[in-house]
């Protein structure tokens, strides 16, 4: 399974000591199978750090789920057990769970607000779970121990999310004297941009200049 990590630096070596506590599935290294979700994480962190948004890709050996030496917990969907586990890990106490790998949905900002209502007794657990029925699918896998990290292999060069978009739009402005608004509209409405953000497409592995050339071909702007 291909997994993506969104951040503000390239991940060359995973250091669990740098992981923050009180996260959904505890202190761990987090990845997702959704590239677009990793992109959102990367852009948010990059904005906070005033840095580049970087997506690092890994290959995950799913046979590890059959390894009796690893303890794995999987939540296939939002559930009362998922909620209890989230609350356990987010509580400000010195505690940790026993699992090497935990997989399941994300408690994003909107869900976190509902969790707070639930903890304050303003909504019941049943009402909380009903409200998640139509929530957009999310996904995360937490690698919580050194043993679990052995199941990951970095397989591609990092994808610098912000750089590609900025370089292409700015080059359109310089090459064709477009306004910034026109350059942004042309690029973000193009098939090239759509393919660039398709996790099944390998276009993002190319340099921004190669992607720019493809865009010019699509827009019939080649000189």
Protein backbone atom coordinates (compact mmCIF):
# COMPACT_ATOMS: atom_id res chain seq x y z
CA UNK A 1 0.00 0.00 0.00
CA UNK A 2 1.27 3.48 -0.89
CA UNK A 3 1.12 5.93 1.99
CA UNK A 4 1.79 9.66 2.11
CA UNK A 5 3.16 11.95 4.82
CA UNK A 6 2.41 15.66 4.57
CA UNK A 7 4.82 18.03 6.26
CA UNK A 8 7.18 20.97 5.85
CA UNK A 9 10.40 18.97 5.41
CA UNK A 10 11.41 15.82 3.56
CA UNK A 11 11.35 12.72 5.78
CA UNK A 12 14.62 10.82 5.42
CA UNK A 13 14.69 9.18 8.83
CA UNK A 14 11.69 8.71 11.11
CA UNK A 15 12.32 9.79 14.70
CA UNK A 16 9.45 8.87 17.03
CA UNK A 17 10.91 11.02 19.81
CA UNK A 18 9.87 14.07 17.76
CA UNK A 19 6.26 12.90 17.55
CA UNK A 20 3.75 14.93 19.53
CA UNK A 21 1.56 13.34 22.22
CA UNK A 22 -2.21 13.58 22.61
CA UNK A 23 -2.95 12.83 18.94
CA UNK A 24 -5.85 10.68 17.69
CA UNK A 25 -3.96 7.41 17.93
CA UNK A 26 -1.28 8.50 20.37
CA UNK A 27 2.33 9.52 19.90
CA UNK A 28 3.32 8.10 16.51
CA UNK A 29 4.40 8.72 12.92
CA UNK A 30 1.25 9.39 10.88
CA UNK A 31 0.56 8.61 7.22
CA UNK A 32 -2.50 8.40 4.99
CA UNK A 33 -3.46 6.52 1.82
CA UNK A 34 -5.09 9.70 0.46
CA UNK A 35 -2.55 11.95 -1.27
CA UNK A 36 -4.95 14.92 -1.26
CA UNK A 37 -5.31 14.61 2.51
CA UNK A 38 -1.51 14.58 2.90
CA UNK A 39 -1.40 17.70 0.74
CA UNK A 40 -3.80 19.49 3.07
CA UNK A 41 -1.67 18.51 6.08
CA UNK A 42 1.49 19.65 4.30
CA UNK A 43 0.08 23.03 3.29
CA UNK A 44 -1.21 23.71 6.80
CA UNK A 45 2.12 22.89 8.43
CA UNK A 46 4.06 24.81 5.79
CA UNK A 47 1.96 27.89 6.43
CA UNK A 48 2.59 27.65 10.17
CA UNK A 49 6.34 27.20 9.66
CA UNK A 50 6.61 29.58 6.69
CA UNK A 51 8.28 26.79 4.75
CA UNK A 52 7.65 24.51 1.76
CA UNK A 53 4.82 21.99 1.74
CA UNK A 54 6.37 18.55 1.21
CA UNK A 55 4.78 15.14 0.63
CA UNK A 56 6.97 12.10 1.28
CA UNK A 57 5.78 8.76 -0.08
CA UNK A 58 6.26 5.35 1.52
CA UNK A 59 5.47 1.75 0.70
CA UNK A 60 3.77 -0.11 3.55
CA UNK A 61 4.06 -3.88 3.86
CA UNK A 62 0.48 -4.87 4.64
CA UNK A 63 1.60 -8.39 5.52
CA UNK A 64 2.65 -6.84 8.82
CA UNK A 65 -1.03 -7.13 9.78
CA UNK A 66 -0.48 -10.89 9.78
CA UNK A 67 2.67 -10.65 11.88
CA UNK A 68 1.92 -12.09 15.30
CA UNK A 69 4.78 -10.06 16.78
CA UNK A 70 2.96 -6.79 16.01
CA UNK A 71 -0.18 -5.60 17.72
CA UNK A 72 -2.49 -3.92 15.22
CA UNK A 73 -5.77 -2.09 15.76
CA UNK A 74 -7.97 -1.18 12.77
CA UNK A 75 -11.10 0.97 12.82
CA UNK A 76 -12.85 0.51 9.48
CA UNK A 77 -15.18 3.42 10.12
CA UNK A 78 -16.30 5.88 12.77
CA UNK A 79 -17.69 3.95 15.72
CA UNK A 80 -18.18 4.18 19.46
CA UNK A 81 -14.95 2.20 19.99
CA UNK A 82 -13.10 4.62 17.69
CA UNK A 83 -14.47 7.57 19.68
CA UNK A 84 -13.46 5.99 23.00
CA UNK A 85 -9.94 5.38 21.69
CA UNK A 86 -9.63 8.98 20.41
CA UNK A 87 -10.75 10.36 23.76
CA UNK A 88 -8.32 8.08 25.60
CA UNK A 89 -5.34 9.24 23.54
CA UNK A 90 -6.24 12.93 23.60
CA UNK A 91 -6.69 13.10 27.37
CA UNK A 92 -3.92 14.98 29.18
CA UNK A 93 -2.62 12.05 31.21
CA UNK A 94 0.59 10.02 31.17
CA UNK A 95 -0.75 7.02 29.33
CA UNK A 96 -0.06 5.07 26.16
CA UNK A 97 -1.77 2.21 24.39
CA UNK A 98 -0.29 -1.20 23.63
CA UNK A 99 -0.51 -1.19 19.82
CA UNK A 100 2.29 -1.01 17.26
CA UNK A 101 0.04 0.16 14.40
CA UNK A 102 -3.37 1.83 14.51
CA UNK A 103 -5.44 2.55 11.39
CA UNK A 104 -8.72 4.39 11.02
CA UNK A 105 -10.54 7.67 10.28
CA UNK A 106 -9.23 11.10 11.26
CA UNK A 107 -10.79 13.35 13.90
CA UNK A 108 -10.41 16.57 11.91
CA UNK A 109 -11.23 20.09 13.12
CA UNK A 110 -14.97 19.77 12.59
CA UNK A 111 -15.10 16.41 14.35
CA UNK A 112 -12.93 17.71 17.20
CA UNK A 113 -15.56 20.37 17.91
CA UNK A 114 -18.20 17.65 18.11
CA UNK A 115 -15.97 15.58 20.40
CA UNK A 116 -15.72 18.57 22.74
CA UNK A 117 -19.52 18.84 22.77
CA UNK A 118 -19.74 15.15 23.58
CA UNK A 119 -17.20 15.42 26.43
CA UNK A 120 -19.07 18.42 27.82
CA UNK A 121 -22.29 16.42 27.77
CA UNK A 122 -24.00 18.66 25.22
CA UNK A 123 -24.60 15.78 22.80
CA UNK A 124 -24.88 12.04 23.31
CA UNK A 125 -22.52 9.48 21.84
CA UNK A 126 -25.35 8.27 19.61
CA UNK A 127 -25.99 11.77 18.23
CA UNK A 128 -22.26 12.27 17.69
CA UNK A 129 -21.96 9.08 15.62
CA UNK A 130 -25.12 9.84 13.61
CA UNK A 131 -23.61 13.20 12.67
CA UNK A 132 -20.58 11.42 11.16
CA UNK A 133 -22.65 9.33 8.76
CA UNK A 134 -22.19 11.79 5.90
CA UNK A 135 -18.72 13.03 6.77
CA UNK A 136 -16.15 12.95 3.97
CA UNK A 137 -14.00 9.77 4.18
CA UNK A 138 -10.64 10.27 5.89
CA UNK A 139 -7.78 7.93 6.66
CA UNK A 140 -4.67 7.69 8.81
CA UNK A 141 -2.23 5.04 9.95
CA UNK A 142 -0.18 5.63 13.08
CA UNK A 143 3.15 3.82 13.39
CA UNK A 144 3.70 3.85 17.12
CA UNK A 145 6.81 1.73 17.73
CA UNK A 146 10.26 1.14 16.27
CA UNK A 147 9.14 -2.36 15.28
CA UNK A 148 6.26 -0.99 13.20
CA UNK A 149 8.57 1.40 11.33
CA UNK A 150 10.40 -1.61 9.87
CA UNK A 151 7.32 -2.17 7.70
CA UNK A 152 7.81 1.17 5.89
CA UNK A 153 10.09 1.96 2.99
CA UNK A 154 10.54 5.38 1.45
CA UNK A 155 10.11 4.89 -2.28
CA UNK A 156 10.05 8.28 -4.01
CA UNK A 157 11.58 11.69 -3.98
CA UNK A 158 9.53 14.24 -2.05
CA UNK A 159 6.83 16.21 -3.82
CA UNK A 160 7.05 19.94 -3.10
CA UNK A 161 3.43 20.98 -3.30
CA UNK A 162 3.73 24.76 -3.16
CA UNK A 163 6.80 25.07 -5.40
CA UNK A 164 5.22 23.47 -8.47
CA UNK A 165 2.08 25.61 -8.35
CA UNK A 166 3.99 28.83 -7.69
CA UNK A 167 6.64 28.22 -10.34
CA UNK A 168 4.09 27.41 -13.02
CA UNK A 169 1.77 30.36 -12.39
CA UNK A 170 4.64 32.83 -12.08
CA UNK A 171 6.24 31.54 -15.29
CA UNK A 172 2.94 31.93 -17.15
CA UNK A 173 2.87 35.56 -16.01
CA UNK A 174 6.43 36.21 -17.12
CA UNK A 175 6.25 34.34 -20.45
CA UNK A 176 2.91 35.66 -21.66
CA UNK A 177 2.36 38.84 -19.67
CA UNK A 178 -0.81 37.38 -18.16
CA UNK A 179 -2.38 38.90 -15.09
CA UNK A 180 -1.98 36.85 -11.95
CA UNK A 181 -5.70 36.09 -11.95
CA UNK A 182 -5.63 34.79 -15.54
CA UNK A 183 -2.51 32.68 -14.95
CA UNK A 184 -4.05 31.09 -11.85
CA UNK A 185 -7.35 30.41 -13.63
CA UNK A 186 -5.66 28.82 -16.66
CA UNK A 187 -3.48 26.57 -14.53
CA UNK A 188 -5.96 25.46 -11.87
CA UNK A 189 -8.67 24.74 -14.43
CA UNK A 190 -6.37 22.67 -16.64
CA UNK A 191 -6.30 18.91 -17.11
CA UNK A 192 -2.58 19.01 -16.21
CA UNK A 193 -3.39 20.36 -12.74
CA UNK A 194 -6.12 17.75 -12.31
CA UNK A 195 -3.68 14.96 -13.26
CA UNK A 196 -1.02 16.43 -10.97
CA UNK A 197 -3.36 16.01 -8.00
CA UNK A 198 -4.54 12.53 -8.93
CA UNK A 199 -2.82 10.10 -6.54
CA UNK A 200 -2.98 7.36 -9.20
CA UNK A 201 -1.10 9.53 -11.67
CA UNK A 202 2.70 9.77 -11.52
CA UNK A 203 2.86 13.24 -13.05
CA UNK A 204 3.90 14.79 -9.72
CA UNK A 205 7.23 12.94 -9.97
CA UNK A 206 8.25 15.09 -12.94
CA UNK A 207 10.02 18.42 -12.60
CA UNK A 208 7.95 21.59 -12.68
CA UNK A 209 9.48 22.47 -16.07
CA UNK A 210 8.25 19.20 -17.60
CA UNK A 211 4.80 19.83 -16.12
CA UNK A 212 4.88 23.40 -17.43
CA UNK A 213 5.65 22.13 -20.94
CA UNK A 214 2.67 19.78 -20.77
CA UNK A 215 0.49 22.69 -19.69
CA UNK A 216 1.65 24.79 -22.64
CA UNK A 217 0.80 21.94 -24.99
CA UNK A 218 -2.66 21.63 -23.48
CA UNK A 219 -3.30 25.37 -23.71
CA UNK A 220 -1.71 25.58 -27.17
CA UNK A 221 0.75 28.20 -25.97
CA UNK A 222 3.99 26.67 -27.21
CA UNK A 223 6.19 29.23 -28.91
